[in-house]
C-alpha atoms as a PDB file:
ATOM      1  CA  MET A   1       0.021 -20.446  13.932  1.00  0.00           C
ATOM      2  CA  HIS A   2      -2.612 -21.496  11.416  1.00  0.00           C
ATOM      3  CA  HIS A   3      -4.645 -18.386  12.268  1.00  0.00           C
ATOM      4  CA  LEU A   4      -1.636 -16.264  11.286  1.00  0.00           C
ATOM      5  CA  LEU A   5      -1.327 -18.035   7.960  1.00  0.00           C
ATOM      6  CA  ILE A   6      -5.049 -17.635   7.246  1.00  0.00           C
ATOM      7  CA  LEU A   7      -4.845 -13.928   8.080  1.00  0.00           C
ATOM      8  CA  SER A   8      -1.835 -13.466   5.798  1.00  0.00           C
ATOM      9  CA  ALA A   9      -3.484 -15.269   2.902  1.00  0.00           C
ATOM     10  CA  THR A  10      -6.668 -13.233   3.340  1.00  0.00           C
ATOM     11  CA  SER A  11      -4.703  -9.976   3.357  1.00  0.00           C
ATOM     12  CA  CYS A  12      -2.908 -10.908   0.147  1.00  0.00           C
ATOM     13  CA  LEU A  13      -6.195 -11.832  -1.521  1.00  0.00           C
ATOM     14  CA  LEU A  14      -7.772  -8.521  -0.515  1.00  0.00           C
ATOM     15  CA  LEU A  15      -4.718  -6.693  -1.841  1.00  0.00           C
ATOM     16  CA  ALA A  16      -5.011  -8.432  -5.195  1.00  0.00           C
ATOM     17  CA  LEU A  17      -8.753  -7.725  -5.452  1.00  0.00           C
ATOM     18  CA  ALA A  18      -8.247  -4.056  -4.570  1.00  0.00           C
ATOM     19  CA  GLY A  19      -5.550  -3.708  -7.220  1.00  0.00           C
ATOM     20  CA  ARG A  20      -7.764  -5.329  -9.843  1.00  0.00           C
ATOM     21  CA  ALA A  21     -10.654  -2.980  -8.963  1.00  0.00           C
ATOM     22  CA  ARG A  22      -8.397   0.066  -9.317  1.00  0.00           C
ATOM     23  CA  ALA A  23      -7.222  -1.182 -12.710  1.00  0.00           C
ATOM     24  CA  ASP A  24     -10.835  -1.615 -13.869  1.00  0.00           C
ATOM     25  CA  ASP A  25     -11.709   1.907 -12.715  1.00  0.00           C
ATOM     26  CA  ALA A  26      -8.645   3.295 -14.488  1.00  0.00           C
ATOM     27  CA  ARG A  27      -9.569   1.492 -17.689  1.00  0.00           C
ATOM     28  CA  ALA A  28     -13.125   2.878 -17.562  1.00  0.00           C
ATOM     29  CA  ALA A  29     -11.901   6.426 -16.931  1.00  0.00           C
ATOM     30  CA  PHE A  30      -9.377   6.127 -19.755  1.00  0.00           C
ATOM     31  CA  ALA A  31     -12.056   4.917 -22.180  1.00  0.00           C
ATOM     32  CA  ALA A  32     -14.313   7.816 -21.172  1.00  0.00           C
ATOM     33  CA  GLY A  33     -11.460  10.250 -21.760  1.00  0.00           C
ATOM     34  CA  LYS A  34     -10.754   8.858 -25.226  1.00  0.00           C
ATOM     35  CA  ALA A  35     -14.436   9.060 -26.171  1.00  0.00           C
ATOM     36  CA  ALA A  36     -14.709  12.656 -24.967  1.00  0.00           C
ATOM     37  CA  TYR A  37     -11.483  13.584 -26.772  1.00  0.00           C
ATOM     38  CA  ALA A  38     -12.717  12.083 -30.040  1.00  0.00           C
ATOM     39  CA  ALA A  39     -15.983  14.028 -29.674  1.00  0.00           C
ATOM     40  CA  GLY A  40     -14.116  17.295 -29.148  1.00  0.00           C
ATOM     41  CA  ASN A  41     -15.091  17.639 -25.468  1.00  0.00           C
ATOM     42  CA  TYR A  42     -11.556  18.368 -24.329  1.00  0.00           C
ATOM     43  CA  ALA A  43     -12.391  19.706 -20.859  1.00  0.00           C
ATOM     44  CA  GLU A  44     -14.359  16.538 -20.096  1.00  0.00           C
ATOM     45  CA  ALA A  45     -11.563  14.425 -21.569  1.00  0.00           C
ATOM     46  CA  SER A  46      -8.944  16.082 -19.370  1.00  0.00           C
ATOM     47  CA  GLU A  47     -11.023  15.372 -16.248  1.00  0.00           C
ATOM     48  CA  ALA A  48     -11.393  11.713 -17.235  1.00  0.00           C
ATOM     49  CA  PHE A  49      -7.676  11.353 -17.964  1.00  0.00           C
ATOM     50  CA  GLU A  50      -6.869  12.942 -14.598  1.00  0.00           C
ATOM     51  CA  ARG A  51      -8.994  10.285 -12.873  1.00  0.00           C
ATOM     52  CA  ALA A  52      -7.317   7.538 -14.881  1.00  0.00           C
ATOM     53  CA  TYR A  53      -3.834   8.850 -14.077  1.00  0.00           C
ATOM     54  CA  ALA A  54      -4.635   9.062 -10.365  1.00  0.00           C
ATOM     55  CA  LEU A  55      -5.550   5.361 -10.457  1.00  0.00           C
ATOM     56  CA  ARG A  56      -2.825   4.174 -12.857  1.00  0.00           C
ATOM     57  CA  PRO A  57       0.017   6.693 -13.327  1.00  0.00           C
ATOM     58  CA  ALA A  58       1.174   5.598 -16.788  1.00  0.00           C
ATOM     59  CA  ALA A  59       2.930   7.526 -19.542  1.00  0.00           C
ATOM     60  CA  GLY A  60       0.121   7.021 -22.054  1.00  0.00           C
ATOM     61  CA  VAL A  61      -2.459   8.526 -19.711  1.00  0.00           C
ATOM     62  CA  LEU A  62      -0.174  11.471 -18.935  1.00  0.00           C
ATOM     63  CA  PHE A  63       0.386  12.167 -22.637  1.00  0.00           C
ATOM     64  CA  ASN A  64      -3.350  12.157 -23.336  1.00  0.00           C
ATOM     65  CA  LEU A  65      -3.971  14.418 -20.346  1.00  0.00           C
ATOM     66  CA  ALA A  66      -1.544  16.977 -21.773  1.00  0.00           C
ATOM     67  CA  GLN A  67      -3.178  16.754 -25.194  1.00  0.00           C
ATOM     68  CA  ALA A  68      -6.658  17.285 -23.756  1.00  0.00           C
ATOM     69  CA  GLN A  69      -5.533  20.172 -21.558  1.00  0.00           C
ATOM     70  CA  ARG A  70      -3.908  21.894 -24.526  1.00  0.00           C
ATOM     71  CA  LYS A  71      -6.988  21.470 -26.703  1.00  0.00           C
ATOM     72  CA  ALA A  72      -9.196  22.742 -23.872  1.00  0.00           C
ATOM     73  CA  GLY A  73      -7.165  25.945 -23.701  1.00  0.00           C
ATOM     74  CA  HIS A  74      -5.505  25.200 -20.352  1.00  0.00           C
ATOM     75  CA  CYS A  75      -2.107  26.008 -21.796  1.00  0.00           C
ATOM     76  CA  ALA A  76      -0.097  26.457 -18.595  1.00  0.00           C
ATOM     77  CA  ARG A  77      -1.380  23.179 -17.141  1.00  0.00           C
ATOM     78  CA  ALA A  78      -0.760  21.408 -20.452  1.00  0.00           C
ATOM     79  CA  ALA A  79       2.832  22.656 -20.555  1.00  0.00           C
ATOM     80  CA  GLU A  80       3.455  21.348 -17.036  1.00  0.00           C
ATOM     81  CA  THR A  81       1.932  17.960 -17.943  1.00  0.00           C
ATOM     82  CA  TYR A  82       4.073  17.717 -21.084  1.00  0.00           C
ATOM     83  CA  ARG A  83       7.173  18.387 -18.970  1.00  0.00           C
ATOM     84  CA  ARG A  84       6.213  15.593 -16.576  1.00  0.00           C
ATOM     85  CA  PHE A  85       5.711  13.252 -19.519  1.00  0.00           C
ATOM     86  CA  LEU A  86       9.106  14.136 -20.985  1.00  0.00           C
ATOM     87  CA  GLN A  87      10.774  13.348 -17.644  1.00  0.00           C
ATOM     88  CA  ALA A  88       9.751   9.689 -17.987  1.00  0.00           C
ATOM     89  CA  PRO A  89      12.659   7.306 -18.722  1.00  0.00           C
ATOM     90  CA  THR A  90      11.036   6.041 -21.939  1.00  0.00           C
ATOM     91  CA  SER A  91       8.955   8.777 -23.551  1.00  0.00           C
ATOM     92  CA  GLU A  92       8.355   7.194 -26.958  1.00  0.00           C
ATOM     93  CA  ALA A  93       6.235  10.160 -28.124  1.00  0.00           C
ATOM     94  CA  ARG A  94       8.976  12.639 -27.291  1.00  0.00           C
ATOM     95  CA  ALA A  95       8.784  14.505 -30.621  1.00  0.00           C
ATOM     96  CA  ALA A  96       5.029  14.963 -30.349  1.00  0.00           C
ATOM     97  CA  ALA A  97       5.267  15.958 -26.691  1.00  0.00           C
ATOM     98  CA  GLU A  98       8.007  18.500 -27.385  1.00  0.00           C
ATOM     99  CA  ALA A  99       5.896  20.038 -30.158  1.00  0.00           C
ATOM    100  CA  GLY A 100       2.883  20.161 -27.861  1.00  0.00           C
ATOM    101  CA  LEU A 101       4.993  21.691 -25.097  1.00  0.00           C
ATOM    102  CA  ALA A 102       6.257  24.453 -27.394  1.00  0.00           C
ATOM    103  CA  GLU A 103       2.725  25.235 -28.527  1.00  0.00           C
ATOM    104  CA  SER A 104       1.404  25.206 -24.955  1.00  0.00           C
ATOM    105  CA  GLU A 105       4.160  27.520 -23.739  1.00  0.00           C
ATOM    106  CA  ALA A 106       3.427  29.982 -26.551  1.00  0.00           C
ATOM    107  CA  CYS A 107      -0.277  29.792 -25.787  1.00  0.00           C
ATOM    108  CA  ALA A 108       0.326  30.288 -22.058  1.00  0.00           C
ATOM    109  CA  ALA A 109       2.427  33.368 -22.804  1.00  0.00           C
ATOM    110  CA  GLN A 110      -0.446  34.791 -24.834  1.00  0.00           C
ATOM    111  CA  GLN A 111      -2.888  34.036 -22.039  1.00  0.00           C
ATOM    112  CA  ALA A 112      -0.766  35.822 -19.418  1.00  0.00           C
ATOM    113  CA  PRO A 113      -2.403  39.059 -18.247  1.00  0.00           C
ATOM    114  CA  PRO A 114      -0.805  42.039 -20.048  1.00  0.00           C
ATOM    115  CA  ALA A 115       1.044  44.683 -18.097  1.00  0.00           C
ATOM    116  CA  PRO A 116      -1.150  47.689 -17.290  1.00  0.00           C
ATOM    117  CA  ALA A 117      -0.777  50.473 -19.835  1.00  0.00           C
ATOM    118  CA  PRO A 118       0.456  53.835 -18.560  1.00  0.00           C
ATOM    119  CA  ALA A 119      -2.171  56.445 -17.986  1.00  0.00           C
ATOM    120  CA  VAL A 120      -2.619  58.806 -20.903  1.00  0.00           C
ATOM    121  CA  VAL A 121      -3.341  62.451 -20.135  1.00  0.00           C
ATOM    122  CA  GLU A 122      -5.648  63.901 -22.746  1.00  0.00           C
ATOM    123  CA  PRO A 123      -4.759  67.459 -23.697  1.00  0.00           C
ATOM    124  CA  ALA A 124      -7.408  70.085 -23.295  1.00  0.00           C
ATOM    125  CA  LEU A 125      -9.170  70.813 -26.579  1.00  0.00           C
ATOM    126  CA  SER A 126     -10.547  74.063 -27.778  1.00  0.00           C
ATOM    127  CA  PRO A 127     -14.272  74.063 -28.475  1.00  0.00           C
ATOM    128  CA  GLY A 128     -15.119  72.944 -31.971  1.00  0.00           C
ATOM    129  CA  VAL A 129     -11.672  71.472 -32.672  1.00  0.00           C
ATOM    130  CA  ALA A 130     -11.445  67.705 -33.303  1.00  0.00           C
ATOM    131  CA  SER A 131      -8.213  65.889 -32.580  1.00  0.00           C
ATOM    132  CA  ALA A 132      -6.699  63.538 -35.126  1.00  0.00           C
ATOM    133  CA  PRO A 133      -6.106  59.971 -33.931  1.00  0.00           C
ATOM    134  CA  ASP A 134      -2.592  59.022 -32.913  1.00  0.00           C
ATOM    135  CA  PRO A 135      -1.131  56.862 -35.728  1.00  0.00           C
ATOM    136  CA  SER A 136       0.623  54.631 -33.150  1.00  0.00           C
ATOM    137  CA  LEU A 137      -2.756  53.620 -31.724  1.00  0.00           C
ATOM    138  CA  LEU A 138      -4.235  52.508 -35.033  1.00  0.00           C
ATOM    139  CA  PRO A 139      -4.633  48.706 -35.537  1.00  0.00           C
ATOM    140  CA  THR A 140      -1.777  47.081 -37.405  1.00  0.00           C
ATOM    141  CA  THR A 141      -3.266  43.595 -37.941  1.00  0.00           C
ATOM    142  CA  PRO A 142      -2.117  42.299 -41.345  1.00  0.00           C
ATOM    143  CA  THR A 143      -4.918  41.660 -43.785  1.00  0.00           C
ATOM    144  CA  SER A 144      -5.277  39.520 -46.848  1.00  0.00           C
ATOM    145  CA  ASP A 145      -5.998  40.803 -50.331  1.00  0.00           C
ATOM    146  CA  GLU A 146      -9.729  40.693 -49.607  1.00  0.00           C
ATOM    147  CA  GLY A 147      -9.234  42.892 -46.554  1.00  0.00           C
ATOM    148  CA  ALA A 148     -10.049  40.200 -43.992  1.00  0.00           C
ATOM    149  CA  ALA A 149      -7.733  39.844 -41.029  1.00  0.00           C
ATOM    150  CA  THR A 150      -5.391  36.853 -41.262  1.00  0.00           C
ATOM    151  CA  PRO A 151      -5.566  34.871 -38.011  1.00  0.00           C
ATOM    152  CA  ALA A 152      -2.348  33.703 -36.445  1.00  0.00           C
ATOM    153  CA  THR A 153      -1.708  30.007 -36.889  1.00  0.00           C
ATOM    154  CA  ARG A 154      -0.178  27.735 -34.297  1.00  0.00           C
ATOM    155  CA  PRO A 155       1.725  24.576 -35.165  1.00  0.00           C
ATOM    156  CA  ASP A 156      -0.089  21.306 -34.665  1.00  0.00           C
ATOM    157  CA  VAL A 157       1.427  18.129 -33.256  1.00  0.00           C
ATOM    158  CA  VAL A 158       3.981  16.728 -35.696  1.00  0.00           C
ATOM    159  CA  ASP A 159       6.271  13.718 -36.126  1.00  0.00           C
ATOM    160  CA  LEU A 160       3.868  10.865 -35.534  1.00  0.00           C
ATOM    161  CA  PRO A 161       5.922   7.914 -34.230  1.00  0.00           C
ATOM    162  CA  PRO A 162       5.630   4.543 -35.962  1.00  0.00           C
ATOM    163  CA  ALA A 163       2.465   2.596 -35.297  1.00  0.00           C
ATOM    164  CA  GLY A 164       2.527   0.214 -32.394  1.00  0.00           C
ATOM    165  CA  VAL A 165       4.956   2.218 -30.270  1.00  0.00           C
ATOM    166  CA  GLN A 166       4.709   1.007 -26.685  1.00  0.00           C
ATOM    167  CA  ASP A 167       6.294   1.854 -23.402  1.00  0.00           C
ATOM    168  CA  HIS A 168       9.035  -0.574 -22.353  1.00  0.00           C
ATOM    169  CA  ALA A 169       8.569  -2.356 -19.079  1.00  0.00           C
ATOM    170  CA  THR A 170      10.519  -0.765 -16.277  1.00  0.00           C
ATOM    171  CA  GLY A 171      11.325  -4.140 -14.704  1.00  0.00           C
ATOM    172  CA  ARG A 172      10.079  -3.003 -11.316  1.00  0.00           C
ATOM    173  CA  GLY A 173       7.332  -5.613 -11.259  1.00  0.00           C
ATOM    174  CA  ARG A 174       9.771  -8.357 -12.221  1.00  0.00           C
ATOM    175  CA  ARG A 175      12.149  -7.371  -9.427  1.00  0.00           C
ATOM    176  CA  LEU A 176       9.340  -7.332  -6.890  1.00  0.00           C
ATOM    177  CA  ARG A 177       8.184 -10.789  -7.964  1.00  0.00           C
ATOM    178  CA  ARG A 178      11.710 -12.184  -7.645  1.00  0.00           C
ATOM    179  CA  LEU A 179      12.109 -10.596  -4.229  1.00  0.00           C
ATOM    180  CA  GLY A 180       8.754 -12.043  -3.233  1.00  0.00           C
ATOM    181  CA  LEU A 181       9.791 -15.525  -4.341  1.00  0.00           C
ATOM    182  CA  VAL A 182      13.059 -15.355  -2.400  1.00  0.00           C
ATOM    183  CA  THR A 183      11.425 -13.904   0.714  1.00  0.00           C
ATOM    184  CA  GLY A 184       8.556 -16.359   0.577  1.00  0.00           C
ATOM    185  CA  GLY A 185      10.901 -19.309   0.028  1.00  0.00           C
ATOM    186  CA  VAL A 186      13.114 -18.407   2.968  1.00  0.00           C
ATOM    187  CA  GLY A 187      10.035 -17.806   5.099  1.00  0.00           C
ATOM    188  CA  ALA A 188       8.536 -21.153   4.137  1.00  0.00           C
ATOM    189  CA  VAL A 189      11.753 -22.953   5.105  1.00  0.00           C
ATOM    190  CA  ALA A 190      11.884 -21.117   8.428  1.00  0.00           C
ATOM    191  CA  LEU A 191       8.211 -21.835   9.060  1.00  0.00           C
ATOM    192  CA  GLY A 192       8.651 -25.536   8.371  1.00  0.00           C
ATOM    193  CA  ALA A 193      11.771 -25.763  10.512  1.00  0.00           C
ATOM    194  CA  GLY A 194      10.070 -23.898  13.349  1.00  0.00           C
ATOM    195  CA  LEU A 195       7.026 -26.164  13.316  1.00  0.00           C
ATOM    196  CA  ILE A 196       9.138 -29.332  13.191  1.00  0.00           C
ATOM    197  CA  GLY A 197      11.450 -28.106  15.940  1.00  0.00           C
ATOM    198  CA  TYR A 198       8.582 -26.985  18.152  1.00  0.00           C
ATOM    199  CA  PHE A 199       6.664 -30.247  18.010  1.00  0.00           C
ATOM    200  CA  SER A 200       9.848 -32.330  18.241  1.00  0.00           C
ATOM    201  CA  SER A 201      10.839 -30.453  21.397  1.00  0.00           C
ATOM    202  CA  ALA A 202       7.403 -31.053  22.842  1.00  0.00           C
ATOM    203  CA  VAL A 203       7.665 -34.808  22.227  1.00  0.00           C
ATOM    204  CA  ILE A 204      11.203 -35.020  23.629  1.00  0.00           C
ATOM    205  CA  CYS A 205      10.227 -33.025  26.687  1.00  0.00           C
ATOM    206  CA  THR A 206       7.221 -35.256  27.312  1.00  0.00           C
ATOM    207  CA  ASP A 207       9.429 -38.355  27.285  1.00  0.00           C
ATOM    208  CA  LYS A 208      12.591 -37.125  29.022  1.00  0.00           C
ATOM    209  CA  CYS A 209      11.896 -33.935  30.986  1.00  0.00           C
ATOM    210  CA  ASP A 210      12.047 -35.466  34.454  1.00  0.00           C
ATOM    211  CA  GLU A 211      14.388 -32.919  36.006  1.00  0.00           C
ATOM    212  CA  PRO A 212      13.237 -29.280  36.475  1.00  0.00           C
ATOM    213  CA  GLY A 213      16.341 -27.793  34.860  1.00  0.00           C
ATOM    214  CA  GLU A 214      16.071 -29.951  31.785  1.00  0.00           C
ATOM    215  CA  GLU A 215      12.395 -29.129  31.442  1.00  0.00           C
ATOM    216  CA  ARG A 216      13.178 -25.409  31.467  1.00  0.00           C
ATOM    217  CA  THR A 217      15.819 -25.913  28.787  1.00  0.00           C
ATOM    218  CA  GLN A 218      13.365 -27.761  26.611  1.00  0.00           C
ATOM    219  CA  ARG A 219      10.779 -25.005  27.063  1.00  0.00           C
ATOM    220  CA  GLU A 220      13.336 -22.460  25.967  1.00  0.00           C
ATOM    221  CA  HIS A 221      14.045 -24.543  22.896  1.00  0.00           C
ATOM    222  CA  GLN A 222      10.339 -24.692  22.154  1.00  0.00           C
ATOM    223  CA  THR A 223      10.083 -20.922  22.447  1.00  0.00           C
ATOM    224  CA  ALA A 224      12.998 -20.457  20.057  1.00  0.00           C
ATOM    225  CA  TRP A 225      11.489 -22.845  17.525  1.00  0.00           C
ATOM    226  CA  LEU A 226       8.129 -21.112  17.874  1.00  0.00           C
ATOM    227  CA  ALA A 227       9.725 -17.710  17.253  1.00  0.00           C
ATOM    228  CA  LEU A 228      11.434 -19.110  14.166  1.00  0.00           C
ATOM    229  CA  GLY A 229       8.121 -20.460  12.900  1.00  0.00           C
ATOM    230  CA  VAL A 230       6.304 -17.171  13.491  1.00  0.00           C
ATOM    231  CA  GLY A 231       9.073 -15.255  11.729  1.00  0.00           C
ATOM    232  CA  GLY A 232       8.928 -17.690   8.847  1.00  0.00           C
ATOM    233  CA  GLY A 233       5.169 -17.271   8.576  1.00  0.00           C
ATOM    234  CA  LEU A 234       5.492 -13.494   8.472  1.00  0.00           C
ATOM    235  CA  ALA A 235       8.244 -13.733   5.859  1.00  0.00           C
ATOM    236  CA  SER A 236       6.089 -16.069   3.768  1.00  0.00           C
ATOM    237  CA  ALA A 237       3.189 -13.624   3.932  1.00  0.00           C
ATOM    238  CA  ALA A 238       5.491 -10.750   2.975  1.00  0.00           C
ATOM    239  CA  GLY A 239       6.807 -12.765   0.042  1.00  0.00           C
ATOM    240  CA  VAL A 240       3.299 -13.443  -1.223  1.00  0.00           C
ATOM    241  CA  GLY A 241       2.449  -9.764  -0.870  1.00  0.00           C
ATOM    242  CA  LEU A 242       5.548  -8.688  -2.804  1.00  0.00           C
ATOM    243  CA  TYR A 243       4.815 -11.175  -5.562  1.00  0.00           C
ATOM    244  CA  VAL A 244       1.206  -9.981  -5.891  1.00  0.00           C
ATOM    245  CA  TRP A 245       2.357  -6.362  -5.869  1.00  0.00           C
ATOM    246  CA  GLY A 246       4.869  -7.058  -8.615  1.00  0.00           C
ATOM    247  CA  TYR A 247       2.215  -8.862 -10.634  1.00  0.00           C
ATOM    248  CA  LEU A 248      -0.167  -5.915 -10.375  1.00  0.00           C
ATOM    249  CA  ILE A 249       2.495  -3.368 -11.316  1.00  0.00           C
ATOM    250  CA  ASN A 250       3.873  -5.295 -14.274  1.00  0.00           C
ATOM    251  CA  ASP A 251       0.709  -6.831 -15.719  1.00  0.00           C
ATOM    252  CA  ALA A 252      -1.726  -4.011 -15.064  1.00  0.00           C
ATOM    253  CA  GLU A 253       0.605  -1.313 -16.386  1.00  0.00           C
ATOM    254  CA  PRO A 254      -0.987   0.245 -19.480  1.00  0.00           C
ATOM    255  CA  ARG A 255       0.856   0.112 -22.761  1.00  0.00           C
ATOM    256  CA  LEU A 256       1.151   3.206 -24.916  1.00  0.00           C
ATOM    257  CA  GLY A 257       0.178   3.230 -28.575  1.00  0.00           C
ATOM    258  CA  LEU A 258      -0.273   6.441 -30.555  1.00  0.00           C
ATOM    259  CA  SER A 259      -3.003   7.066 -33.122  1.00  0.00           C
ATOM    260  CA  PRO A 260      -4.132  10.261 -34.897  1.00  0.00           C
ATOM    261  CA  THR A 261      -7.586  11.756 -34.286  1.00  0.00           C
ATOM    262  CA  ARG A 262      -9.320  14.828 -35.578  1.00  0.00           C
ATOM    263  CA  GLY A 263      -8.073  16.765 -32.546  1.00  0.00           C
ATOM    264  CA  GLY A 264      -4.467  15.707 -32.947  1.00  0.00           C
ATOM    265  CA  MET A 265      -2.688  12.626 -31.675  1.00  0.00           C
ATOM    266  CA  VAL A 266      -3.971  10.574 -28.773  1.00  0.00           C
ATOM    267  CA  ALA A 267      -2.419   7.611 -27.009  1.00  0.00           C
ATOM    268  CA  SER A 268      -4.210   4.280 -26.932  1.00  0.00           C
ATOM    269  CA  THR A 269      -3.641   2.312 -23.744  1.00  0.00           C
ATOM    270  CA  THR A 270      -4.075  -1.420 -23.256  1.00  0.00           C
ATOM    271  CA  PHE A 271      -4.486  -2.791 -19.715  1.00  0.00           C
ATOM    272  CA  ARG A 272      -3.077  -6.353 -19.622  1.00  0.00           C
ATOM    273  CA  PHE A 273      -4.126  -9.025 -17.147  1.00  0.00           C
END
């Protein structure tokens, strides 16, 4: 019995350490992504944010990933990431994400390969006769007064939310911790009752089990108490695991705060422990 409890405690400890290591890796990847984004290395920033999101799928990381993908010119991927961000229950940066999505969709449409132009059959020309260019094929790019072409402008991210905006807790971690407490408490009671019943049956049987039938009955009682104790130990271990899981989800979940940079708006994430 005590070996089972030791094994359960060790498993829970390893689970907690593994979760903490993943959170540290996510925090490092997120910091690398923010640094690359601030330096204008958007492709590198998107790779770092992808690593961070794989370790800690949080709204702030997903928003930054979409921003970096858009700035890197990966418009179709950025549009898909913005859509995933907007599907979150509490997308505090919804206005900025919707603006980024519209820009990414327009950019992706421009990046789509154009339809092949129909083949043009050139008419046969007489020697020495030059053909005039077709007016429909002449460039029609608008120019400024100085004659320089005016580049098309795309809207930047707008509607910066108030400072300090953060994602609200989903409550999932709190529910898991409560379930862990209830499961662990019931398991502890069952474990204690099983141990007491098992050893009490052993003492009673030692003193009074003179007849074979009564001895068998007492052995059956011992087996039942032992099964109750084992079940209680497993329930206690499950309760500890649920509580640790809820702690990791709720306390290691990054918080989202938005701040402007030279490349647009980026989310600042705080990992709490």
